[in-house]
Amino acid sequence: MDVIVYLIPAALGLGLLGLIGFLWALKSGQFDDLDGAANRILFDDDDDPGKRTR
């Protein structure tokens, strides 16, 4: 039962760390363009079509 004294603060600390990481990502603009990445895969933007890598 003594281990719960360590587990509760550890869980709260990890939750706070995750919340801080999410807020940082939100502030830095990680979630601004949600449709851009989905549409970008549909277009072929090769500048040199003769140069193909396999």
PDB file of N, CA and C in Angstrom:
ATOM      1  N   MET A   1       0.820  -1.201   0.000  1.00  0.00           N
ATOM      2  CA  MET A   1       0.000   0.000   0.000  1.00  0.00           C
ATOM      3  C   MET A   1       0.860   1.260   0.000  1.00  0.00           C
ATOM      4  N   ASP A   2       2.135   1.111   0.405  1.00  0.00           N
ATOM      5  CA  ASP A   2       3.023   2.277   0.413  1.00  0.00           C
ATOM      6  C   ASP A   2       3.414   2.718  -1.001  1.00  0.00           C
ATOM      7  N   VAL A   3       3.275   1.821  -1.972  1.00  0.00           N
ATOM      8  CA  VAL A   3       3.680   2.151  -3.328  1.00  0.00           C
ATOM      9  C   VAL A   3       2.724   3.170  -3.960  1.00  0.00           C
ATOM     10  N   ILE A   4       1.508   3.261  -3.459  1.00  0.00           N
ATOM     11  CA  ILE A   4       0.547   4.218  -4.016  1.00  0.00           C
ATOM     12  C   ILE A   4       0.983   5.654  -3.760  1.00  0.00           C
ATOM     13  N   VAL A   5       1.809   5.853  -2.757  1.00  0.00           N
ATOM     14  CA  VAL A   5       2.336   7.189  -2.476  1.00  0.00           C
ATOM     15  C   VAL A   5       3.248   7.644  -3.620  1.00  0.00           C
ATOM     16  N   TYR A   6       3.872   6.713  -4.297  1.00  0.00           N
ATOM     17  CA  TYR A   6       4.742   7.033  -5.421  1.00  0.00           C
ATOM     18  C   TYR A   6       3.985   7.019  -6.762  1.00  0.00           C
ATOM     19  N   LEU A   7       2.994   6.154  -6.873  1.00  0.00           N
ATOM     20  CA  LEU A   7       2.302   6.005  -8.145  1.00  0.00           C
ATOM     21  C   LEU A   7       1.379   7.181  -8.465  1.00  0.00           C
ATOM     22  N   ILE A   8       0.690   7.720  -7.480  1.00  0.00           N
ATOM     23  CA  ILE A   8      -0.219   8.837  -7.746  1.00  0.00           C
ATOM     24  C   ILE A   8       0.539  10.078  -8.206  1.00  0.00           C
ATOM     25  N   PRO A   9       1.602  10.510  -7.534  1.00  0.00           N
ATOM     26  CA  PRO A   9       2.338  11.661  -8.076  1.00  0.00           C
ATOM     27  C   PRO A   9       2.993  11.380  -9.439  1.00  0.00           C
ATOM     28  N   ALA A  10       3.431  10.147  -9.652  1.00  0.00           N
ATOM     29  CA  ALA A  10       4.019   9.808 -10.952  1.00  0.00           C
ATOM     30  C   ALA A  10       2.969   9.897 -12.056  1.00  0.00           C
ATOM     31  N   ALA A  11       1.759   9.413 -11.788  1.00  0.00           N
ATOM     32  CA  ALA A  11       0.689   9.485 -12.783  1.00  0.00           C
ATOM     33  C   ALA A  11       0.279  10.934 -13.035  1.00  0.00           C
ATOM     34  N   LEU A  12       0.188  11.727 -11.999  1.00  0.00           N
ATOM     35  CA  LEU A  12      -0.153  13.139 -12.169  1.00  0.00           C
ATOM     36  C   LEU A  12       0.946  13.881 -12.930  1.00  0.00           C
ATOM     37  N   GLY A  13       2.198  13.563 -12.654  1.00  0.00           N
ATOM     38  CA  GLY A  13       3.316  14.193 -13.354  1.00  0.00           C
ATOM     39  C   GLY A  13       3.327  13.850 -14.831  1.00  0.00           C
ATOM     40  N   LEU A  14       3.078  12.579 -15.159  1.00  0.00           N
ATOM     41  CA  LEU A  14       3.041  12.178 -16.571  1.00  0.00           C
ATOM     42  C   LEU A  14       1.848  12.796 -17.292  1.00  0.00           C
ATOM     43  N   GLY A  15       0.726  12.902 -16.613  1.00  0.00           N
ATOM     44  CA  GLY A  15      -0.432  13.557 -17.211  1.00  0.00           C
ATOM     45  C   GLY A  15      -0.169  15.028 -17.471  1.00  0.00           C
ATOM     46  N   LEU A  16       0.481  15.691 -16.525  1.00  0.00           N
ATOM     47  CA  LEU A  16       0.827  17.098 -16.699  1.00  0.00           C
ATOM     48  C   LEU A  16       1.839  17.269 -17.827  1.00  0.00           C
ATOM     49  N   LEU A  17       2.786  16.364 -17.923  1.00  0.00           N
ATOM     50  CA  LEU A  17       3.759  16.409 -19.008  1.00  0.00           C
ATOM     51  C   LEU A  17       3.085  16.233 -20.373  1.00  0.00           C
ATOM     52  N   GLY A  18       2.122  15.333 -20.468  1.00  0.00           N
ATOM     53  CA  GLY A  18       1.372  15.151 -21.709  1.00  0.00           C
ATOM     54  C   GLY A  18       0.537  16.368 -22.060  1.00  0.00           C
ATOM     55  N   LEU A  19      -0.072  16.996 -21.055  1.00  0.00           N
ATOM     56  CA  LEU A  19      -0.854  18.204 -21.293  1.00  0.00           C
ATOM     57  C   LEU A  19       0.030  19.349 -21.764  1.00  0.00           C
ATOM     58  N   ILE A  20       1.192  19.491 -21.179  1.00  0.00           N
ATOM     59  CA  ILE A  20       2.131  20.538 -21.599  1.00  0.00           C
ATOM     60  C   ILE A  20       2.601  20.287 -23.031  1.00  0.00           C
ATOM     61  N   GLY A  21       2.873  19.034 -23.368  1.00  0.00           N
ATOM     62  CA  GLY A  21       3.278  18.698 -24.734  1.00  0.00           C
ATOM     63  C   GLY A  21       2.178  18.986 -25.740  1.00  0.00           C
ATOM     64  N   PHE A  22       0.940  18.685 -25.383  1.00  0.00           N
ATOM     65  CA  PHE A  22      -0.175  18.964 -26.279  1.00  0.00           C
ATOM     66  C   PHE A  22      -0.367  20.458 -26.472  1.00  0.00           C
ATOM     67  N   LEU A  23      -0.289  21.219 -25.404  1.00  0.00           N
ATOM     68  CA  LEU A  23      -0.447  22.671 -25.514  1.00  0.00           C
ATOM     69  C   LEU A  23       0.682  23.294 -26.318  1.00  0.00           C
ATOM     70  N   TRP A  24       1.899  22.764 -26.168  1.00  0.00           N
ATOM     71  CA  TRP A  24       3.024  23.256 -26.970  1.00  0.00           C
ATOM     72  C   TRP A  24       2.798  22.985 -28.453  1.00  0.00           C
ATOM     73  N   ALA A  25       2.319  21.774 -28.775  1.00  0.00           N
ATOM     74  CA  ALA A  25       2.056  21.433 -30.173  1.00  0.00           C
ATOM     75  C   ALA A  25       0.923  22.286 -30.730  1.00  0.00           C
ATOM     76  N   LEU A  26      -0.063  22.574 -29.921  1.00  0.00           N
ATOM     77  CA  LEU A  26      -1.175  23.412 -30.358  1.00  0.00           C
ATOM     78  C   LEU A  26      -0.711  24.833 -30.624  1.00  0.00           C
ATOM     79  N   LYS A  27       0.143  25.342 -29.747  1.00  0.00           N
ATOM     80  CA  LYS A  27       0.639  26.714 -29.906  1.00  0.00           C
ATOM     81  C   LYS A  27       1.610  26.843 -31.074  1.00  0.00           C
ATOM     82  N   SER A  28       2.377  25.793 -31.374  1.00  0.00           N
ATOM     83  CA  SER A  28       3.349  25.874 -32.458  1.00  0.00           C
ATOM     84  C   SER A  28       2.727  25.625 -33.832  1.00  0.00           C
ATOM     85  N   GLY A  29       1.421  25.353 -33.894  1.00  0.00           N
ATOM     86  CA  GLY A  29       0.730  25.239 -35.175  1.00  0.00           C
ATOM     87  C   GLY A  29       0.745  23.855 -35.786  1.00  0.00           C
ATOM     88  N   GLN A  30       0.893  22.819 -34.998  1.00  0.00           N
ATOM     89  CA  GLN A  30       0.932  21.461 -35.536  1.00  0.00           C
ATOM     90  C   GLN A  30      -0.420  21.015 -36.081  1.00  0.00           C
ATOM     91  N   PHE A  31      -1.504  21.621 -35.627  1.00  0.00           N
ATOM     92  CA  PHE A  31      -2.840  21.178 -36.012  1.00  0.00           C
ATOM     93  C   PHE A  31      -3.555  22.203 -36.885  1.00  0.00           C
ATOM     94  N   ASP A  32      -2.825  23.090 -37.531  1.00  0.00           N
ATOM     95  CA  ASP A  32      -3.451  24.140 -38.324  1.00  0.00           C
ATOM     96  C   ASP A  32      -4.025  23.622 -39.643  1.00  0.00           C
ATOM     97  N   ASP A  33      -3.290  22.796 -40.364  1.00  0.00           N
ATOM     98  CA  ASP A  33      -3.705  22.344 -41.690  1.00  0.00           C
ATOM     99  C   ASP A  33      -3.935  20.838 -41.671  1.00  0.00           C
ATOM    100  N   LEU A  34      -5.137  20.431 -41.317  1.00  0.00           N
ATOM    101  CA  LEU A  34      -5.421  19.000 -41.232  1.00  0.00           C
ATOM    102  C   LEU A  34      -5.707  18.382 -42.599  1.00  0.00           C
ATOM    103  N   ASP A  35      -6.205  19.170 -43.547  1.00  0.00           N
ATOM    104  CA  ASP A  35      -6.537  18.633 -44.866  1.00  0.00           C
ATOM    105  C   ASP A  35      -5.358  18.660 -45.825  1.00  0.00           C
ATOM    106  N   GLY A  36      -4.342  19.435 -45.546  1.00  0.00           N
ATOM    107  CA  GLY A  36      -3.217  19.564 -46.465  1.00  0.00           C
ATOM    108  C   GLY A  36      -2.458  18.269 -46.657  1.00  0.00           C
ATOM    109  N   ALA A  37      -2.180  17.568 -45.582  1.00  0.00           N
ATOM    110  CA  ALA A  37      -1.427  16.315 -45.698  1.00  0.00           C
ATOM    111  C   ALA A  37      -2.264  15.240 -46.386  1.00  0.00           C
ATOM    112  N   ALA A  38      -3.562  15.264 -46.179  1.00  0.00           N
ATOM    113  CA  ALA A  38      -4.428  14.271 -46.820  1.00  0.00           C
ATOM    114  C   ALA A  38      -4.510  14.520 -48.322  1.00  0.00           C
ATOM    115  N   ASN A  39      -4.491  15.762 -48.747  1.00  0.00           N
ATOM    116  CA  ASN A  39      -4.572  16.073 -50.175  1.00  0.00           C
ATOM    117  C   ASN A  39      -3.214  16.022 -50.853  1.00  0.00           C
ATOM    118  N   ARG A  40      -2.145  16.218 -50.117  1.00  0.00           N
ATOM    119  CA  ARG A  40      -0.804  16.254 -50.695  1.00  0.00           C
ATOM    120  C   ARG A  40      -0.394  14.913 -51.285  1.00  0.00           C
ATOM    121  N   ILE A  41      -0.907  13.831 -50.741  1.00  0.00           N
ATOM    122  CA  ILE A  41      -0.523  12.510 -51.240  1.00  0.00           C
ATOM    123  C   ILE A  41      -1.115  12.238 -52.625  1.00  0.00           C
ATOM    124  N   LEU A  42      -2.160  12.984 -53.009  1.00  0.00           N
ATOM    125  CA  LEU A  42      -2.818  12.754 -54.287  1.00  0.00           C
ATOM    126  C   LEU A  42      -2.088  13.382 -55.463  1.00  0.00           C
ATOM    127  N   PHE A  43      -1.197  14.335 -55.213  1.00  0.00           N
ATOM    128  CA  PHE A  43      -0.535  15.063 -56.278  1.00  0.00           C
ATOM    129  C   PHE A  43       0.918  14.645 -56.394  1.00  0.00           C
ATOM    130  N   ASP A  44       1.378  14.486 -57.638  1.00  0.00           N
ATOM    131  CA  ASP A  44       2.757  14.102 -57.911  1.00  0.00           C
ATOM    132  C   ASP A  44       3.559  15.368 -58.184  1.00  0.00           C
ATOM    133  N   ASP A  45       4.471  15.709 -57.307  1.00  0.00           N
ATOM    134  CA  ASP A  45       5.230  16.948 -57.416  1.00  0.00           C
ATOM    135  C   ASP A  45       6.665  16.715 -57.855  1.00  0.00           C
ATOM    136  N   ASP A  46       6.910  15.729 -58.703  1.00  0.00           N
ATOM    137  CA  ASP A  46       8.267  15.474 -59.187  1.00  0.00           C
ATOM    138  C   ASP A  46       8.690  16.584 -60.141  1.00  0.00           C
ATOM    139  N   ASP A  47       9.818  17.216 -59.854  1.00  0.00           N
ATOM    140  CA  ASP A  47      10.332  18.263 -60.738  1.00  0.00           C
ATOM    141  C   ASP A  47      11.025  17.670 -61.969  1.00  0.00           C
ATOM    142  N   ASP A  48      11.697  16.551 -61.786  1.00  0.00           N
ATOM    143  CA  ASP A  48      12.428  15.898 -62.864  1.00  0.00           C
ATOM    144  C   ASP A  48      11.839  14.505 -63.093  1.00  0.00           C
ATOM    145  N   PRO A  49      10.902  14.364 -64.029  1.00  0.00           N
ATOM    146  CA  PRO A  49      10.255  13.049 -64.205  1.00  0.00           C
ATOM    147  C   PRO A  49      11.187  11.983 -64.757  1.00  0.00           C
ATOM    148  N   GLY A  50      12.328  12.371 -65.360  1.00  0.00           N
ATOM    149  CA  GLY A  50      13.276  11.383 -65.886  1.00  0.00           C
ATOM    150  C   GLY A  50      14.098  10.732 -64.795  1.00  0.00           C
ATOM    151  N   LYS A  51      14.191  11.363 -63.654  1.00  0.00           N
ATOM    152  CA  LYS A  51      14.978  10.834 -62.550  1.00  0.00           C
ATOM    153  C   LYS A  51      14.060  10.076 -61.584  1.00  0.00           C
ATOM    154  N   ARG A  52      14.085   8.776 -61.671  1.00  0.00           N
ATOM    155  CA  ARG A  52      13.243   7.940 -60.812  1.00  0.00           C
ATOM    156  C   ARG A  52      14.130   7.107 -59.881  1.00  0.00           C
ATOM    157  N   THR A  53      13.725   6.993 -58.661  1.00  0.00           N
ATOM    158  CA  THR A  53      14.448   6.155 -57.701  1.00  0.00           C
ATOM    159  C   THR A  53      13.566   4.963 -57.361  1.00  0.00           C
ATOM    160  N   ARG A  54      14.188   3.832 -57.206  1.00  0.00           N
ATOM    161  CA  ARG A  54      13.432   2.626 -56.877  1.00  0.00           C
ATOM    162  C   ARG A  54      13.910   2.017 -55.624  1.00  0.00           C
TER     163      ARG A  54
END
